[in-house]
PDB file of N, CA and C in Angstrom:
ATOM      1  N   MET A   1      -1.258   2.059 -20.974  1.00  0.00           N
ATOM      2  CA  MET A   1      -0.638   2.311 -19.694  1.00  0.00           C
ATOM      3  C   MET A   1      -0.582   0.948 -18.957  1.00  0.00           C
ATOM      4  N   SER A   2       0.609   0.669 -18.322  1.00  0.00           N
ATOM      5  CA  SER A   2       0.786  -0.506 -17.647  1.00  0.00           C
ATOM      6  C   SER A   2       0.136  -0.490 -16.190  1.00  0.00           C
ATOM      7  N   ARG A   3      -0.327  -1.648 -15.761  1.00  0.00           N
ATOM      8  CA  ARG A   3      -1.007  -1.656 -14.408  1.00  0.00           C
ATOM      9  C   ARG A   3       0.031  -1.717 -13.397  1.00  0.00           C
ATOM     10  N   SER A   4      -0.234  -1.278 -12.218  1.00  0.00           N
ATOM     11  CA  SER A   4       0.651  -1.313 -11.108  1.00  0.00           C
ATOM     12  C   SER A   4       0.582  -2.735 -10.480  1.00  0.00           C
ATOM     13  N   VAL A   5       1.684  -3.168 -10.027  1.00  0.00           N
ATOM     14  CA  VAL A   5       1.841  -4.555  -9.439  1.00  0.00           C
ATOM     15  C   VAL A   5       2.486  -4.406  -8.021  1.00  0.00           C
ATOM     16  N   VAL A   6       1.875  -5.128  -7.085  1.00  0.00           N
ATOM     17  CA  VAL A   6       2.345  -5.231  -5.702  1.00  0.00           C
ATOM     18  C   VAL A   6       2.905  -6.547  -5.451  1.00  0.00           C
ATOM     19  N   ILE A   7       4.164  -6.655  -5.003  1.00  0.00           N
ATOM     20  CA  ILE A   7       4.884  -7.962  -4.637  1.00  0.00           C
ATOM     21  C   ILE A   7       4.904  -7.996  -3.226  1.00  0.00           C
ATOM     22  N   LEU A   8       4.415  -9.113  -2.574  1.00  0.00           N
ATOM     23  CA  LEU A   8       4.452  -9.326  -1.103  1.00  0.00           C
ATOM     24  C   LEU A   8       5.660 -10.182  -0.809  1.00  0.00           C
ATOM     25  N   ARG A   9       6.637  -9.530  -0.118  1.00  0.00           N
ATOM     26  CA  ARG A   9       7.928 -10.177   0.097  1.00  0.00           C
ATOM     27  C   ARG A   9       7.772 -11.527   0.850  1.00  0.00           C
ATOM     28  N   THR A  10       6.896 -11.629   1.841  1.00  0.00           N
ATOM     29  CA  THR A  10       6.890 -12.856   2.579  1.00  0.00           C
ATOM     30  C   THR A  10       6.568 -14.140   1.686  1.00  0.00           C
ATOM     31  N   SER A  11       5.542 -13.961   0.844  1.00  0.00           N
ATOM     32  CA  SER A  11       5.078 -15.044   0.081  1.00  0.00           C
ATOM     33  C   SER A  11       5.555 -15.028  -1.391  1.00  0.00           C
ATOM     34  N   GLY A  12       6.034 -13.891  -1.868  1.00  0.00           N
ATOM     35  CA  GLY A  12       6.364 -13.665  -3.270  1.00  0.00           C
ATOM     36  C   GLY A  12       5.281 -13.485  -4.189  1.00  0.00           C
ATOM     37  N   THR A  13       4.008 -13.436  -3.619  1.00  0.00           N
ATOM     38  CA  THR A  13       2.838 -13.221  -4.430  1.00  0.00           C
ATOM     39  C   THR A  13       2.860 -11.883  -5.125  1.00  0.00           C
ATOM     40  N   ARG A  14       2.518 -11.895  -6.427  1.00  0.00           N
ATOM     41  CA  ARG A  14       2.343 -10.697  -7.294  1.00  0.00           C
ATOM     42  C   ARG A  14       0.896 -10.377  -7.486  1.00  0.00           C
ATOM     43  N   LEU A  15       0.475  -9.188  -7.172  1.00  0.00           N
ATOM     44  CA  LEU A  15      -0.947  -8.720  -7.273  1.00  0.00           C
ATOM     45  C   LEU A  15      -1.015  -7.571  -8.225  1.00  0.00           C
ATOM     46  N   GLU A  16      -1.897  -7.646  -9.109  1.00  0.00           N
ATOM     47  CA  GLU A  16      -2.185  -6.491 -10.017  1.00  0.00           C
ATOM     48  C   GLU A  16      -3.211  -5.550  -9.375  1.00  0.00           C
ATOM     49  N   CYS A  17      -2.911  -4.249  -9.414  1.00  0.00           N
ATOM     50  CA  CYS A  17      -3.824  -3.273  -8.829  1.00  0.00           C
ATOM     51  C   CYS A  17      -4.907  -2.964  -9.786  1.00  0.00           C
ATOM     52  N   ALA A  18      -6.156  -3.147  -9.396  1.00  0.00           N
ATOM     53  CA  ALA A  18      -7.276  -2.768 -10.252  1.00  0.00           C
ATOM     54  C   ALA A  18      -7.635  -1.265 -10.053  1.00  0.00           C
ATOM     55  N   ASP A  19      -8.111  -0.643 -11.151  1.00  0.00           N
ATOM     56  CA  ASP A  19      -8.386   0.824 -11.070  1.00  0.00           C
ATOM     57  C   ASP A  19      -9.521   1.131 -10.142  1.00  0.00           C
ATOM     58  N   ASP A  20     -10.423   0.102  -9.783  1.00  0.00           N
ATOM     59  CA  ASP A  20     -11.479   0.448  -8.882  1.00  0.00           C
ATOM     60  C   ASP A  20     -11.202   0.412  -7.383  1.00  0.00           C
ATOM     61  N   HIS A  21      -9.941   0.109  -7.079  1.00  0.00           N
ATOM     62  CA  HIS A  21      -9.537   0.226  -5.666  1.00  0.00           C
ATOM     63  C   HIS A  21      -8.851   1.562  -5.432  1.00  0.00           C
ATOM     64  N   PRO A  22      -9.458   2.381  -4.487  1.00  0.00           N
ATOM     65  CA  PRO A  22      -8.910   3.757  -4.348  1.00  0.00           C
ATOM     66  C   PRO A  22      -7.608   3.786  -3.624  1.00  0.00           C
ATOM     67  N   ASN A  23      -7.227   2.709  -2.999  1.00  0.00           N
ATOM     68  CA  ASN A  23      -5.921   2.679  -2.297  1.00  0.00           C
ATOM     69  C   ASN A  23      -5.354   1.336  -2.151  1.00  0.00           C
ATOM     70  N   LEU A  24      -4.155   1.320  -1.682  1.00  0.00           N
ATOM     71  CA  LEU A  24      -3.453  -0.025  -1.578  1.00  0.00           C
ATOM     72  C   LEU A  24      -4.105  -0.949  -0.496  1.00  0.00           C
ATOM     73  N   LEU A  25      -4.661  -0.389   0.582  1.00  0.00           N
ATOM     74  CA  LEU A  25      -5.285  -1.197   1.669  1.00  0.00           C
ATOM     75  C   LEU A  25      -6.442  -1.859   1.047  1.00  0.00           C
ATOM     76  N   GLN A  26      -7.286  -1.154   0.354  1.00  0.00           N
ATOM     77  CA  GLN A  26      -8.559  -1.828  -0.243  1.00  0.00           C
ATOM     78  C   GLN A  26      -8.208  -2.865  -1.239  1.00  0.00           C
ATOM     79  N   MET A  27      -7.142  -2.662  -2.012  1.00  0.00           N
ATOM     80  CA  MET A  27      -6.670  -3.625  -2.977  1.00  0.00           C
ATOM     81  C   MET A  27      -6.264  -4.940  -2.220  1.00  0.00           C
ATOM     82  N   LEU A  28      -5.474  -4.790  -1.161  1.00  0.00           N
ATOM     83  CA  LEU A  28      -5.011  -6.020  -0.342  1.00  0.00           C
ATOM     84  C   LEU A  28      -6.218  -6.657   0.289  1.00  0.00           C
ATOM     85  N   GLU A  29      -7.119  -5.893   0.883  1.00  0.00           N
ATOM     86  CA  GLU A  29      -8.259  -6.550   1.389  1.00  0.00           C
ATOM     87  C   GLU A  29      -9.053  -7.361   0.437  1.00  0.00           C
ATOM     88  N   ALA A  30      -9.209  -6.767  -0.819  1.00  0.00           N
ATOM     89  CA  ALA A  30      -9.949  -7.527  -1.871  1.00  0.00           C
ATOM     90  C   ALA A  30      -9.306  -8.822  -2.174  1.00  0.00           C
ATOM     91  N   GLN A  31      -7.995  -8.991  -1.858  1.00  0.00           N
ATOM     92  CA  GLN A  31      -7.297 -10.249  -2.199  1.00  0.00           C
ATOM     93  C   GLN A  31      -7.256 -11.066  -0.870  1.00  0.00           C
ATOM     94  N   ASN A  32      -7.969 -10.757   0.180  1.00  0.00           N
ATOM     95  CA  ASN A  32      -8.071 -11.449   1.489  1.00  0.00           C
ATOM     96  C   ASN A  32      -6.688 -11.442   2.191  1.00  0.00           C
ATOM     97  N   ILE A  33      -5.999 -10.220   2.057  1.00  0.00           N
ATOM     98  CA  ILE A  33      -4.684 -10.123   2.744  1.00  0.00           C
ATOM     99  C   ILE A  33      -4.889  -9.266   3.958  1.00  0.00           C
ATOM    100  N   CYS A  34      -4.630  -9.785   5.127  1.00  0.00           N
ATOM    101  CA  CYS A  34      -4.849  -9.019   6.354  1.00  0.00           C
ATOM    102  C   CYS A  34      -3.815  -7.964   6.643  1.00  0.00           C
ATOM    103  N   VAL A  35      -4.346  -6.712   6.802  1.00  0.00           N
ATOM    104  CA  VAL A  35      -3.412  -5.561   7.205  1.00  0.00           C
ATOM    105  C   VAL A  35      -4.124  -4.879   8.378  1.00  0.00           C
ATOM    106  N   GLU A  36      -3.290  -4.616   9.380  1.00  0.00           N
ATOM    107  CA  GLU A  36      -3.704  -3.846  10.503  1.00  0.00           C
ATOM    108  C   GLU A  36      -4.146  -2.444  10.122  1.00  0.00           C
ATOM    109  N   PHE A  37      -5.304  -1.935  10.581  1.00  0.00           N
ATOM    110  CA  PHE A  37      -5.740  -0.558  10.278  1.00  0.00           C
ATOM    111  C   PHE A  37      -6.652  -0.126  11.350  1.00  0.00           C
ATOM    112  N   GLN A  38      -6.880   1.188  11.376  1.00  0.00           N
ATOM    113  CA  GLN A  38      -7.880   1.781  12.255  1.00  0.00           C
ATOM    114  C   GLN A  38      -8.642   2.885  11.461  1.00  0.00           C
ATOM    115  N   CYS A  39      -8.009   3.927  11.144  1.00  0.00           N
ATOM    116  CA  CYS A  39      -8.735   5.076  10.741  1.00  0.00           C
ATOM    117  C   CYS A  39      -9.046   5.094   9.141  1.00  0.00           C
ATOM    118  N   ARG A  40      -8.229   4.364   8.331  1.00  0.00           N
ATOM    119  CA  ARG A  40      -8.362   4.396   6.930  1.00  0.00           C
ATOM    120  C   ARG A  40      -8.212   5.768   6.277  1.00  0.00           C
ATOM    121  N   GLU A  41      -7.572   6.752   6.957  1.00  0.00           N
ATOM    122  CA  GLU A  41      -7.459   8.069   6.397  1.00  0.00           C
ATOM    123  C   GLU A  41      -6.061   8.666   6.475  1.00  0.00           C
ATOM    124  N   GLY A  42      -5.090   7.870   7.006  1.00  0.00           N
ATOM    125  CA  GLY A  42      -3.698   8.445   7.106  1.00  0.00           C
ATOM    126  C   GLY A  42      -3.418   9.191   8.366  1.00  0.00           C
ATOM    127  N   TYR A  43      -4.353   9.151   9.395  1.00  0.00           N
ATOM    128  CA  TYR A  43      -4.173   9.838  10.596  1.00  0.00           C
ATOM    129  C   TYR A  43      -3.413   9.026  11.632  1.00  0.00           C
ATOM    130  N   CYS A  44      -3.739   7.785  11.790  1.00  0.00           N
ATOM    131  CA  CYS A  44      -3.258   6.946  12.906  1.00  0.00           C
ATOM    132  C   CYS A  44      -1.988   6.231  12.699  1.00  0.00           C
ATOM    133  N   GLY A  45      -1.694   5.847  11.470  1.00  0.00           N
ATOM    134  CA  GLY A  45      -0.444   5.067  11.219  1.00  0.00           C
ATOM    135  C   GLY A  45      -0.473   3.582  11.477  1.00  0.00           C
ATOM    136  N   SER A  46      -1.613   3.078  11.874  1.00  0.00           N
ATOM    137  CA  SER A  46      -1.760   1.652  12.232  1.00  0.00           C
ATOM    138  C   SER A  46      -1.414   0.733  11.094  1.00  0.00           C
ATOM    139  N   CYS A  47      -1.729   1.188   9.825  1.00  0.00           N
ATOM    140  CA  CYS A  47      -1.388   0.305   8.670  1.00  0.00           C
ATOM    141  C   CYS A  47       0.039   0.454   8.149  1.00  0.00           C
ATOM    142  N   ARG A  48       0.979   1.214   8.845  1.00  0.00           N
ATOM    143  CA  ARG A  48       2.300   1.415   8.402  1.00  0.00           C
ATOM    144  C   ARG A  48       2.920   0.142   7.966  1.00  0.00           C
ATOM    145  N   THR A  49       3.482   0.162   6.765  1.00  0.00           N
ATOM    146  CA  THR A  49       4.171  -1.090   6.122  1.00  0.00           C
ATOM    147  C   THR A  49       5.476  -0.646   5.519  1.00  0.00           C
ATOM    148  N   ARG A  50       6.473  -1.469   5.514  1.00  0.00           N
ATOM    149  CA  ARG A  50       7.763  -1.171   4.851  1.00  0.00           C
ATOM    150  C   ARG A  50       7.658  -1.292   3.348  1.00  0.00           C
ATOM    151  N   LEU A  51       8.068  -0.272   2.685  1.00  0.00           N
ATOM    152  CA  LEU A  51       8.166  -0.294   1.218  1.00  0.00           C
ATOM    153  C   LEU A  51       9.607  -0.719   0.902  1.00  0.00           C
ATOM    154  N   LEU A  52       9.729  -1.777   0.290  1.00  0.00           N
ATOM    155  CA  LEU A  52      11.082  -2.416  -0.035  1.00  0.00           C
ATOM    156  C   LEU A  52      11.602  -1.998  -1.381  1.00  0.00           C
ATOM    157  N   LYS A  53      10.744  -1.833  -2.377  1.00  0.00           N
ATOM    158  CA  LYS A  53      11.141  -1.353  -3.680  1.00  0.00           C
ATOM    159  C   LYS A  53       9.926  -0.675  -4.358  1.00  0.00           C
ATOM    160  N   GLY A  54      10.332   0.349  -5.189  1.00  0.00           N
ATOM    161  CA  GLY A  54       9.396   1.138  -5.940  1.00  0.00           C
ATOM    162  C   GLY A  54       8.872   2.395  -5.181  1.00  0.00           C
ATOM    163  N   GLU A  55       7.827   2.938  -5.810  1.00  0.00           N
ATOM    164  CA  GLU A  55       7.281   4.160  -5.307  1.00  0.00           C
ATOM    165  C   GLU A  55       5.781   4.072  -5.139  1.00  0.00           C
ATOM    166  N   VAL A  56       5.206   4.849  -4.285  1.00  0.00           N
ATOM    167  CA  VAL A  56       3.746   5.018  -4.157  1.00  0.00           C
ATOM    168  C   VAL A  56       3.368   6.577  -4.268  1.00  0.00           C
ATOM    169  N   HIS A  57       2.098   6.722  -4.606  1.00  0.00           N
ATOM    170  CA  HIS A  57       1.535   8.057  -4.767  1.00  0.00           C
ATOM    171  C   HIS A  57       0.439   8.316  -3.718  1.00  0.00           C
ATOM    172  N   TYR A  58       0.610   9.491  -2.994  1.00  0.00           N
ATOM    173  CA  TYR A  58      -0.428   9.814  -2.058  1.00  0.00           C
ATOM    174  C   TYR A  58      -1.298  10.939  -2.631  1.00  0.00           C
ATOM    175  N   ALA A  59      -2.650  10.749  -2.654  1.00  0.00           N
ATOM    176  CA  ALA A  59      -3.524  11.814  -3.173  1.00  0.00           C
ATOM    177  C   ALA A  59      -3.342  13.062  -2.320  1.00  0.00           C
ATOM    178  N   GLU A  60      -3.265  12.759  -0.951  1.00  0.00           N
ATOM    179  CA  GLU A  60      -2.986  13.836  -0.010  1.00  0.00           C
ATOM    180  C   GLU A  60      -1.979  13.322   0.943  1.00  0.00           C
ATOM    181  N   LYS A  61      -1.068  14.265   1.443  1.00  0.00           N
ATOM    182  CA  LYS A  61      -0.024  13.886   2.353  1.00  0.00           C
ATOM    183  C   LYS A  61      -0.680  13.352   3.638  1.00  0.00           C
ATOM    184  N   PRO A  62      -0.184  12.142   4.107  1.00  0.00           N
ATOM    185  CA  PRO A  62      -0.815  11.656   5.378  1.00  0.00           C
ATOM    186  C   PRO A  62      -0.406  12.478   6.557  1.00  0.00           C
ATOM    187  N   LEU A  63      -1.238  12.472   7.603  1.00  0.00           N
ATOM    188  CA  LEU A  63      -0.954  13.250   8.853  1.00  0.00           C
ATOM    189  C   LEU A  63      -0.150  12.376   9.795  1.00  0.00           C
ATOM    190  N   ALA A  64      -0.147  11.104   9.730  1.00  0.00           N
ATOM    191  CA  ALA A  64       0.629  10.157  10.587  1.00  0.00           C
ATOM    192  C   ALA A  64       2.099  10.241  10.199  1.00  0.00           C
ATOM    193  N   PHE A  65       2.908  10.167  11.088  1.00  0.00           N
ATOM    194  CA  PHE A  65       4.403  10.179  10.843  1.00  0.00           C
ATOM    195  C   PHE A  65       4.830   8.885  10.052  1.00  0.00           C
ATOM    196  N   VAL A  66       5.500   9.120   8.986  1.00  0.00           N
ATOM    197  CA  VAL A  66       6.001   7.995   8.124  1.00  0.00           C
ATOM    198  C   VAL A  66       7.457   8.207   7.968  1.00  0.00           C
ATOM    199  N   GLU A  67       8.232   7.226   8.393  1.00  0.00           N
ATOM    200  CA  GLU A  67       9.737   7.239   8.183  1.00  0.00           C
ATOM    201  C   GLU A  67      10.066   6.899   6.780  1.00  0.00           C
ATOM    202  N   GLN A  68      11.316   7.152   6.428  1.00  0.00           N
ATOM    203  CA  GLN A  68      11.841   6.813   5.141  1.00  0.00           C
ATOM    204  C   GLN A  68      11.720   5.232   4.972  1.00  0.00           C
ATOM    205  N   GLY A  69      11.220   4.864   3.845  1.00  0.00           N
ATOM    206  CA  GLY A  69      11.029   3.386   3.633  1.00  0.00           C
ATOM    207  C   GLY A  69       9.729   2.775   4.235  1.00  0.00           C
ATOM    208  N   GLU A  70       8.873   3.645   4.642  1.00  0.00           N
ATOM    209  CA  GLU A  70       7.565   3.217   5.133  1.00  0.00           C
ATOM    210  C   GLU A  70       6.380   3.898   4.258  1.00  0.00           C
ATOM    211  N   ILE A  71       5.239   3.190   4.193  1.00  0.00           N
ATOM    212  CA  ILE A  71       4.064   3.705   3.518  1.00  0.00           C
ATOM    213  C   ILE A  71       2.844   3.534   4.381  1.00  0.00           C
ATOM    214  N   LEU A  72       1.871   4.163   4.094  1.00  0.00           N
ATOM    215  CA  LEU A  72       0.519   3.936   4.736  1.00  0.00           C
ATOM    216  C   LEU A  72      -0.378   3.485   3.654  1.00  0.00           C
ATOM    217  N   PRO A  73      -0.683   2.135   3.482  1.00  0.00           N
ATOM    218  CA  PRO A  73      -1.501   1.601   2.564  1.00  0.00           C
ATOM    219  C   PRO A  73      -2.900   2.178   2.404  1.00  0.00           C
ATOM    220  N   CYS A  74      -3.422   2.759   3.608  1.00  0.00           N
ATOM    221  CA  CYS A  74      -4.858   3.187   3.580  1.00  0.00           C
ATOM    222  C   CYS A  74      -4.937   4.425   2.672  1.00  0.00           C
ATOM    223  N   CYS A  75      -3.880   5.099   2.328  1.00  0.00           N
ATOM    224  CA  CYS A  75      -4.097   6.460   1.564  1.00  0.00           C
ATOM    225  C   CYS A  75      -3.059   6.558   0.472  1.00  0.00           C
ATOM    226  N   CYS A  76      -2.499   5.476  -0.057  1.00  0.00           N
ATOM    227  CA  CYS A  76      -1.603   5.448  -1.154  1.00  0.00           C
ATOM    228  C   CYS A  76      -1.938   4.460  -2.313  1.00  0.00           C
ATOM    229  N   LYS A  77      -1.381   4.669  -3.417  1.00  0.00           N
ATOM    230  CA  LYS A  77      -1.504   3.793  -4.551  1.00  0.00           C
ATOM    231  C   LYS A  77      -0.114   3.462  -5.076  1.00  0.00           C
ATOM    232  N   ALA A  78       0.053   2.271  -5.562  1.00  0.00           N
ATOM    233  CA  ALA A  78       1.355   1.901  -6.147  1.00  0.00           C
ATOM    234  C   ALA A  78       1.584   2.628  -7.415  1.00  0.00           C
ATOM    235  N   LYS A  79       2.892   3.051  -7.682  1.00  0.00           N
ATOM    236  CA  LYS A  79       3.289   3.670  -8.898  1.00  0.00           C
ATOM    237  C   LYS A  79       4.133   2.603  -9.599  1.00  0.00           C
ATOM    238  N   GLY A  80       3.605   1.879 -10.635  1.00  0.00           N
ATOM    239  CA  GLY A  80       4.334   0.844 -11.317  1.00  0.00           C
ATOM    240  C   GLY A  80       4.392  -0.380 -10.382  1.00  0.00           C
ATOM    241  N   GLU A  81       5.668  -0.944 -10.324  1.00  0.00           N
ATOM    242  CA  GLU A  81       5.729  -2.164  -9.483  1.00  0.00           C
ATOM    243  C   GLU A  81       6.441  -1.827  -8.107  1.00  0.00           C
ATOM    244  N   ILE A  82       5.797  -2.306  -7.105  1.00  0.00           N
ATOM    245  CA  ILE A  82       6.423  -2.085  -5.760  1.00  0.00           C
ATOM    246  C   ILE A  82       6.512  -3.432  -5.073  1.00  0.00           C
ATOM    247  N   GLU A  83       7.325  -3.481  -4.005  1.00  0.00           N
ATOM    248  CA  GLU A  83       7.439  -4.636  -3.133  1.00  0.00           C
ATOM    249  C   GLU A  83       7.256  -4.218  -1.757  1.00  0.00           C
ATOM    250  N   ILE A  84       6.408  -4.881  -0.987  1.00  0.00           N
ATOM    251  CA  ILE A  84       6.170  -4.396   0.377  1.00  0.00           C
ATOM    252  C   ILE A  84       6.497  -5.589   1.376  1.00  0.00           C
ATOM    253  N   ALA A  85       6.698  -5.310   2.651  1.00  0.00           N
ATOM    254  CA  ALA A  85       7.092  -6.381   3.586  1.00  0.00           C
ATOM    255  C   ALA A  85       5.833  -6.920   4.289  1.00  0.00           C
ATOM    256  N   LEU A  86       5.078  -7.654   3.478  1.00  0.00           N
ATOM    257  CA  LEU A  86       3.904  -8.369   3.954  1.00  0.00           C
ATOM    258  C   LEU A  86       4.068  -9.815   3.591  1.00  0.00           C
TER     259      LEU A  86
END
């Protein structure tokens, strides 16, 4: 199985997702990448980020409103390779 990869648009950085990170927010934090957040549960929408390419998977549908092309890193994982606006 191939590992998921996250590409950060601003820097072009490519990050491999480790299996021990339960969501995208924790994976980014482990790489010292600052992401705004509050609840970490998909309720508030503070971590809302633009998804430029690829798909993510939510274990549970987030309660915060998410528009087309946006994701909540606190409660999703990358499916394959994605690119986000960070």
